[in-house]
Amino acid sequence: MSLDTANTTGFAAVDQEELKRARAARRERLGRWLLPLLVMALAVLVWNRVVVWNDIPKYILPGPVLVVSTLIHDAGILFPALLVTLEITLMALAVAVIGGAGLAILFTQNRWIEMSFYPFAVILQVTPVVSIAPLIFIYVDNRLVGLLLCAWLVAFFPVLSNTTLGLRSADHNLRDMFQIYGATRWQRLRYLQIPSALPYFLGGLRIAGGLSLIGAVVAEYVAGTGGIGSGLAFRILEAGYRLNIPRMYAGLLLIALTGVTIFGVLSFLSHLLLHKWHESAVKRET
């Protein structure tokens, strides 16, 4: 075999391997979207068949078609309530991001402050918000502030803990280099610690997005106030009191879709900020 023939054979093998990798990557990208949709469709089909075959009354278990039709029919009631819940959720998430990231920076800049106040953050995290919420609504006159505080208590700790871990995970060799070149504390924070903490912060943000929605819903359940400004949780409770089970399921469907949307948006934001340089996002593109 001549040298040219051997080289041609080698290049052909490399091209075949690259082609196999590209096909595998395409199949993985397709499966990432197609498989969950197929499983979800199968679950809805089984749900529908169980209701039809067993002739289950709608006040016990409504079928998926009835739930969707109820969601459309009661859109004038459910969607304004969803906007109220979503407003509390986004406000709580914003406060959690500002407070959690700010406290994390403060903790990493002063070890004594961290040792003094971090246990209180852990106590607030491990204490169920259902047990704290009644006290909050006793001491806080403003209903919106009370709801916001309950949702914030649930959401801020993932941001705080993940950001603190990220700020402390900067490469020690780079820390030594910054120290050798006489970098100030602000320069180390801006050019080393914050970029190192960004993936950790975004991971905590994705968790906090779902938790802020959970906190808002739980706070509305505890508050139990109705009227024009009622959130989606109260509408679900109201439907339960009236045995309007299809509306309950429609409200739950809206909450689930909202949570998935929040997680998707925050995951996309994480991809935009990390895909050009961080290993976790680069791998998803190959």
Protein backbone atom coordinates (compact mmCIF):
# COMPACT_ATOMS: atom_id res chain seq x y z
CA MET A 1 0.00 0.00 0.00
CA SER A 2 1.40 3.38 -1.01
CA LEU A 3 1.69 6.34 1.34
CA ASP A 4 -1.01 8.30 -0.55
CA THR A 5 -3.42 5.39 -0.32
CA ALA A 6 -2.78 5.02 3.41
CA ASN A 7 -3.37 8.73 3.96
CA THR A 8 -6.59 8.61 1.94
CA THR A 9 -7.81 5.63 3.97
CA GLY A 10 -6.95 7.39 7.23
CA PHE A 11 -8.81 10.58 6.23
CA ALA A 12 -11.83 8.54 5.15
CA ALA A 13 -11.90 6.80 8.55
CA VAL A 14 -11.71 10.17 10.32
CA ASP A 15 -14.55 11.53 8.15
CA GLN A 16 -16.66 8.48 8.93
CA GLU A 17 -16.06 8.93 12.64
CA GLU A 18 -16.99 12.61 12.46
CA LEU A 19 -20.13 11.71 10.53
CA LYS A 20 -21.11 9.16 13.19
CA ARG A 21 -20.58 11.75 15.93
CA ALA A 22 -22.72 14.30 14.06
CA ARG A 23 -25.53 11.79 13.60
CA ALA A 24 -25.37 10.79 17.26
CA ALA A 25 -25.51 14.45 18.30
CA ARG A 26 -28.56 15.03 16.07
CA ARG A 27 -30.30 11.98 17.49
CA GLU A 28 -29.57 13.16 21.02
CA ARG A 29 -30.94 16.64 20.32
CA LEU A 30 -34.06 15.15 18.74
CA GLY A 31 -34.54 12.70 21.60
CA ARG A 32 -34.16 15.42 24.20
CA TRP A 33 -37.37 17.00 22.90
CA LEU A 34 -39.22 14.07 21.35
CA LEU A 35 -39.00 11.53 24.18
CA PRO A 36 -40.53 13.77 26.89
CA LEU A 37 -43.33 14.76 24.51
CA LEU A 38 -44.08 11.12 23.68
CA VAL A 39 -44.08 10.10 27.35
CA MET A 40 -46.32 13.05 28.23
CA ALA A 41 -48.71 12.21 25.41
CA LEU A 42 -48.81 8.58 26.56
CA ALA A 43 -49.56 9.65 30.14
CA VAL A 44 -52.43 11.89 28.98
CA LEU A 45 -53.80 9.06 26.83
CA VAL A 46 -53.71 6.63 29.76
CA TRP A 47 -55.39 9.25 31.97
CA ASN A 48 -58.16 9.70 29.41
CA ARG A 49 -58.68 5.95 28.94
CA VAL A 50 -58.84 5.31 32.69
CA VAL A 51 -61.55 7.97 33.07
CA VAL A 52 -63.57 6.67 30.10
CA TRP A 53 -63.26 2.94 30.80
CA ASN A 54 -64.16 3.30 34.49
CA ASP A 55 -66.82 5.96 33.88
CA ILE A 56 -65.33 8.13 36.65
CA PRO A 57 -67.49 11.17 37.53
CA LYS A 58 -65.99 14.56 36.75
CA TYR A 59 -66.25 15.64 40.39
CA ILE A 60 -63.78 12.85 41.28
CA LEU A 61 -61.41 12.78 38.31
CA PRO A 62 -62.08 14.85 35.18
CA GLY A 63 -60.59 13.79 31.88
CA PRO A 64 -57.88 15.78 30.13
CA VAL A 65 -60.29 17.03 27.44
CA LEU A 66 -62.62 18.40 30.11
CA VAL A 67 -59.71 20.04 31.94
CA VAL A 68 -58.53 21.83 28.79
CA SER A 69 -62.06 22.90 27.87
CA THR A 70 -62.56 24.21 31.42
CA LEU A 71 -59.29 26.13 31.16
CA ILE A 72 -60.55 27.79 27.98
CA HIS A 73 -64.06 28.40 29.33
CA ASP A 74 -62.83 29.84 32.67
CA ALA A 75 -59.94 31.81 31.17
CA GLY A 76 -61.51 35.06 32.33
CA ILE A 77 -61.23 33.86 35.94
CA LEU A 78 -58.02 31.84 35.91
CA PHE A 79 -55.69 33.97 33.81
CA PRO A 80 -56.13 37.22 35.80
CA ALA A 81 -55.49 35.16 38.94
CA LEU A 82 -52.39 33.71 37.28
CA LEU A 83 -51.09 37.23 36.61
CA VAL A 84 -51.42 38.04 40.32
CA THR A 85 -49.50 34.91 41.31
CA LEU A 86 -46.91 35.51 38.60
CA GLU A 87 -46.37 39.08 39.79
CA ILE A 88 -45.63 37.88 43.32
CA THR A 89 -43.39 35.12 41.95
CA LEU A 90 -41.25 37.43 39.83
CA MET A 91 -40.99 40.05 42.56
CA ALA A 92 -39.91 37.40 45.06
CA LEU A 93 -37.37 36.01 42.59
CA ALA A 94 -35.92 39.47 41.97
CA VAL A 95 -35.60 40.16 45.70
CA ALA A 96 -34.11 36.69 46.23
CA VAL A 97 -31.50 37.31 43.55
CA ILE A 98 -30.53 40.72 44.92
CA GLY A 99 -30.57 39.63 48.55
CA GLY A 100 -29.00 36.21 48.04
CA ALA A 101 -26.20 37.38 45.77
CA GLY A 102 -25.55 40.45 47.90
CA LEU A 103 -25.33 38.42 51.10
CA ALA A 104 -23.08 35.87 49.38
CA ILE A 105 -20.65 38.61 48.38
CA LEU A 106 -20.76 40.03 51.89
CA PHE A 107 -20.13 36.59 53.41
CA THR A 108 -17.10 35.93 51.22
CA GLN A 109 -15.63 39.33 51.98
CA ASN A 110 -15.89 38.95 55.74
CA ARG A 111 -15.64 35.55 57.39
CA TRP A 112 -16.95 36.85 60.71
CA ILE A 113 -20.17 38.09 59.12
CA GLU A 114 -20.68 34.72 57.46
CA MET A 115 -20.17 32.81 60.71
CA SER A 116 -22.59 35.16 62.48
CA PHE A 117 -25.50 35.22 60.03
CA TYR A 118 -25.29 32.10 57.84
CA PRO A 119 -26.93 29.90 60.54
CA PHE A 120 -29.98 32.18 60.48
CA ALA A 121 -30.28 31.66 56.73
CA VAL A 122 -30.13 27.89 57.25
CA ILE A 123 -32.81 28.07 59.96
CA LEU A 124 -35.13 30.04 57.69
CA GLN A 125 -34.55 27.53 54.89
CA VAL A 126 -35.26 24.38 56.90
CA THR A 127 -38.31 25.83 58.68
CA PRO A 128 -41.46 25.16 56.59
CA VAL A 129 -42.91 28.38 55.24
CA VAL A 130 -46.40 27.09 56.08
CA SER A 131 -45.53 27.38 59.76
CA ILE A 132 -44.01 30.86 59.40
CA ALA A 133 -46.62 32.39 57.08
CA PRO A 134 -49.39 32.84 59.69
CA LEU A 135 -47.01 34.82 61.88
CA ILE A 136 -45.95 36.94 58.92
CA PHE A 137 -49.55 37.84 58.11
CA ILE A 138 -50.15 38.72 61.78
CA TYR A 139 -47.23 41.16 61.97
CA VAL A 140 -47.36 42.52 58.39
CA ASP A 141 -50.45 44.57 57.59
CA ASN A 142 -49.86 44.82 53.85
CA ARG A 143 -51.07 41.62 52.15
CA LEU A 144 -48.78 42.00 49.13
CA VAL A 145 -45.72 42.48 51.33
CA GLY A 146 -46.68 39.41 53.35
CA LEU A 147 -47.04 37.26 50.23
CA LEU A 148 -43.78 38.58 48.86
CA LEU A 149 -41.95 37.86 52.11
CA CYS A 150 -43.24 34.28 52.23
CA ALA A 151 -42.17 33.60 48.65
CA TRP A 152 -38.78 35.23 49.26
CA LEU A 153 -38.09 33.05 52.29
CA VAL A 154 -38.43 29.96 50.11
CA ALA A 155 -36.46 31.27 47.13
CA PHE A 156 -33.45 33.15 48.45
CA PHE A 157 -31.43 30.34 50.07
CA PRO A 158 -30.46 28.48 46.82
CA VAL A 159 -29.12 31.74 45.42
CA LEU A 160 -27.24 32.48 48.64
CA SER A 161 -25.69 29.04 49.09
CA ASN A 162 -24.79 28.47 45.42
CA THR A 163 -23.32 31.93 44.96
CA THR A 164 -21.31 31.63 48.17
CA LEU A 165 -19.93 28.28 46.98
CA GLY A 166 -19.10 29.75 43.58
CA LEU A 167 -17.31 32.77 45.02
CA ARG A 168 -15.16 30.44 47.13
CA SER A 169 -14.45 28.10 44.19
CA ALA A 170 -12.13 30.43 42.29
CA ASP A 171 -8.87 28.77 41.30
CA HIS A 172 -6.28 29.14 44.08
CA ASN A 173 -3.45 29.58 41.57
CA LEU A 174 -5.28 32.53 40.08
CA ARG A 175 -5.89 33.89 43.58
CA ASP A 176 -2.14 33.73 44.24
CA MET A 177 -1.44 35.46 40.94
CA PHE A 178 -3.85 38.29 41.77
CA GLN A 179 -2.17 38.63 45.15
CA ILE A 180 1.32 38.71 43.61
CA TYR A 181 0.30 41.50 41.24
CA GLY A 182 -1.20 43.48 44.11
CA ALA A 183 -4.84 43.32 43.03
CA THR A 184 -7.31 45.00 45.35
CA ARG A 185 -10.19 43.13 46.98
CA TRP A 186 -12.60 44.74 44.52
CA GLN A 187 -10.47 43.67 41.53
CA ARG A 188 -10.31 40.08 42.78
CA LEU A 189 -14.07 40.08 43.24
CA ARG A 190 -14.84 41.60 39.85
CA TYR A 191 -12.35 39.82 37.62
CA LEU A 192 -11.93 36.47 39.37
CA GLN A 193 -14.57 35.52 41.90
CA ILE A 194 -17.71 36.74 40.13
CA PRO A 195 -16.89 35.04 36.79
CA SER A 196 -16.04 31.84 38.69
CA ALA A 197 -19.32 32.03 40.62
CA LEU A 198 -21.53 32.71 37.58
CA PRO A 199 -22.32 29.02 36.77
CA TYR A 200 -23.11 28.34 40.44
CA PHE A 201 -25.28 31.46 40.65
CA LEU A 202 -27.23 30.47 37.53
CA GLY A 203 -27.78 26.99 38.92
CA GLY A 204 -29.19 28.48 42.11
CA LEU A 205 -31.30 30.87 40.04
CA ARG A 206 -32.99 27.98 38.19
CA ILE A 207 -33.86 26.37 41.53
CA ALA A 208 -35.04 29.66 43.02
CA GLY A 209 -37.35 30.29 40.05
CA GLY A 210 -39.43 27.23 40.83
CA LEU A 211 -39.27 27.77 44.57
CA SER A 212 -40.50 31.35 44.26
CA LEU A 213 -43.60 30.07 42.46
CA ILE A 214 -44.11 27.44 45.17
CA GLY A 215 -43.67 30.08 47.87
CA ALA A 216 -46.18 32.39 46.21
CA VAL A 217 -48.78 29.63 45.92
CA VAL A 218 -48.27 28.48 49.52
CA ALA A 219 -48.49 32.06 50.77
CA GLU A 220 -51.78 32.54 48.92
CA TYR A 221 -53.14 29.36 50.45
CA VAL A 222 -52.25 30.58 53.93
CA ALA A 223 -53.51 34.12 53.34
CA GLY A 224 -56.82 32.76 52.06
CA THR A 225 -58.12 36.14 50.92
CA GLY A 226 -60.47 36.48 47.97
CA GLY A 227 -61.76 39.28 45.81
CA ILE A 228 -60.59 40.84 42.60
CA GLY A 229 -56.89 40.66 43.49
CA SER A 230 -56.95 36.96 44.33
CA GLY A 231 -54.20 34.73 43.04
CA LEU A 232 -54.44 31.36 41.37
CA ALA A 233 -54.10 29.43 44.63
CA PHE A 234 -57.26 31.03 46.02
CA ARG A 235 -59.13 30.20 42.81
CA ILE A 236 -58.11 26.56 43.24
CA LEU A 237 -59.30 26.59 46.85
CA GLU A 238 -62.56 28.23 45.80
CA ALA A 239 -63.11 25.59 43.12
CA GLY A 240 -62.48 22.87 45.70
CA TYR A 241 -65.06 24.33 48.08
CA ARG A 242 -67.59 24.32 45.23
CA LEU A 243 -66.60 20.81 44.08
CA ASN A 244 -65.62 22.30 40.72
CA ILE A 245 -62.85 19.75 40.26
CA PRO A 246 -62.25 20.47 36.54
CA ARG A 247 -61.43 24.08 37.42
CA MET A 248 -59.07 22.85 40.14
CA TYR A 249 -57.22 20.73 37.60
CA ALA A 250 -57.17 23.63 35.15
CA GLY A 251 -55.59 25.86 37.81
CA LEU A 252 -53.03 23.19 38.63
CA LEU A 253 -52.25 22.86 34.92
CA LEU A 254 -51.63 26.60 34.72
CA ILE A 255 -49.29 26.47 37.72
CA ALA A 256 -47.36 23.57 36.20
CA LEU A 257 -47.04 25.30 32.82
CA THR A 258 -45.90 28.49 34.54
CA GLY A 259 -43.23 26.62 36.48
CA VAL A 260 -41.98 24.88 33.34
CA THR A 261 -41.88 28.22 31.51
CA ILE A 262 -39.89 29.88 34.29
CA PHE A 263 -37.41 27.00 34.34
CA GLY A 264 -37.09 27.07 30.54
CA VAL A 265 -36.46 30.82 30.43
CA LEU A 266 -33.84 30.65 33.18
CA SER A 267 -32.16 27.64 31.52
CA PHE A 268 -32.02 29.57 28.24
CA LEU A 269 -30.53 32.56 30.05
CA SER A 270 -27.92 30.27 31.61
CA HIS A 271 -27.08 28.88 28.17
CA LEU A 272 -26.69 32.35 26.69
CA LEU A 273 -24.29 33.42 29.43
CA LEU A 274 -22.21 30.22 29.55
CA HIS A 275 -22.24 28.55 26.13
CA LYS A 276 -19.14 30.32 24.83
CA TRP A 277 -16.79 29.52 27.68
CA HIS A 278 -18.07 27.17 30.38
CA GLU A 279 -17.61 23.44 30.01
CA SER A 280 -21.11 22.49 31.15
CA ALA A 281 -22.73 24.54 28.38
CA VAL A 282 -20.12 23.75 25.70
CA LYS A 283 -20.79 20.02 26.07
CA ARG A 284 -24.46 20.50 25.29
CA GLU A 285 -23.56 21.85 21.87
CA THR A 286 -21.34 18.93 20.80
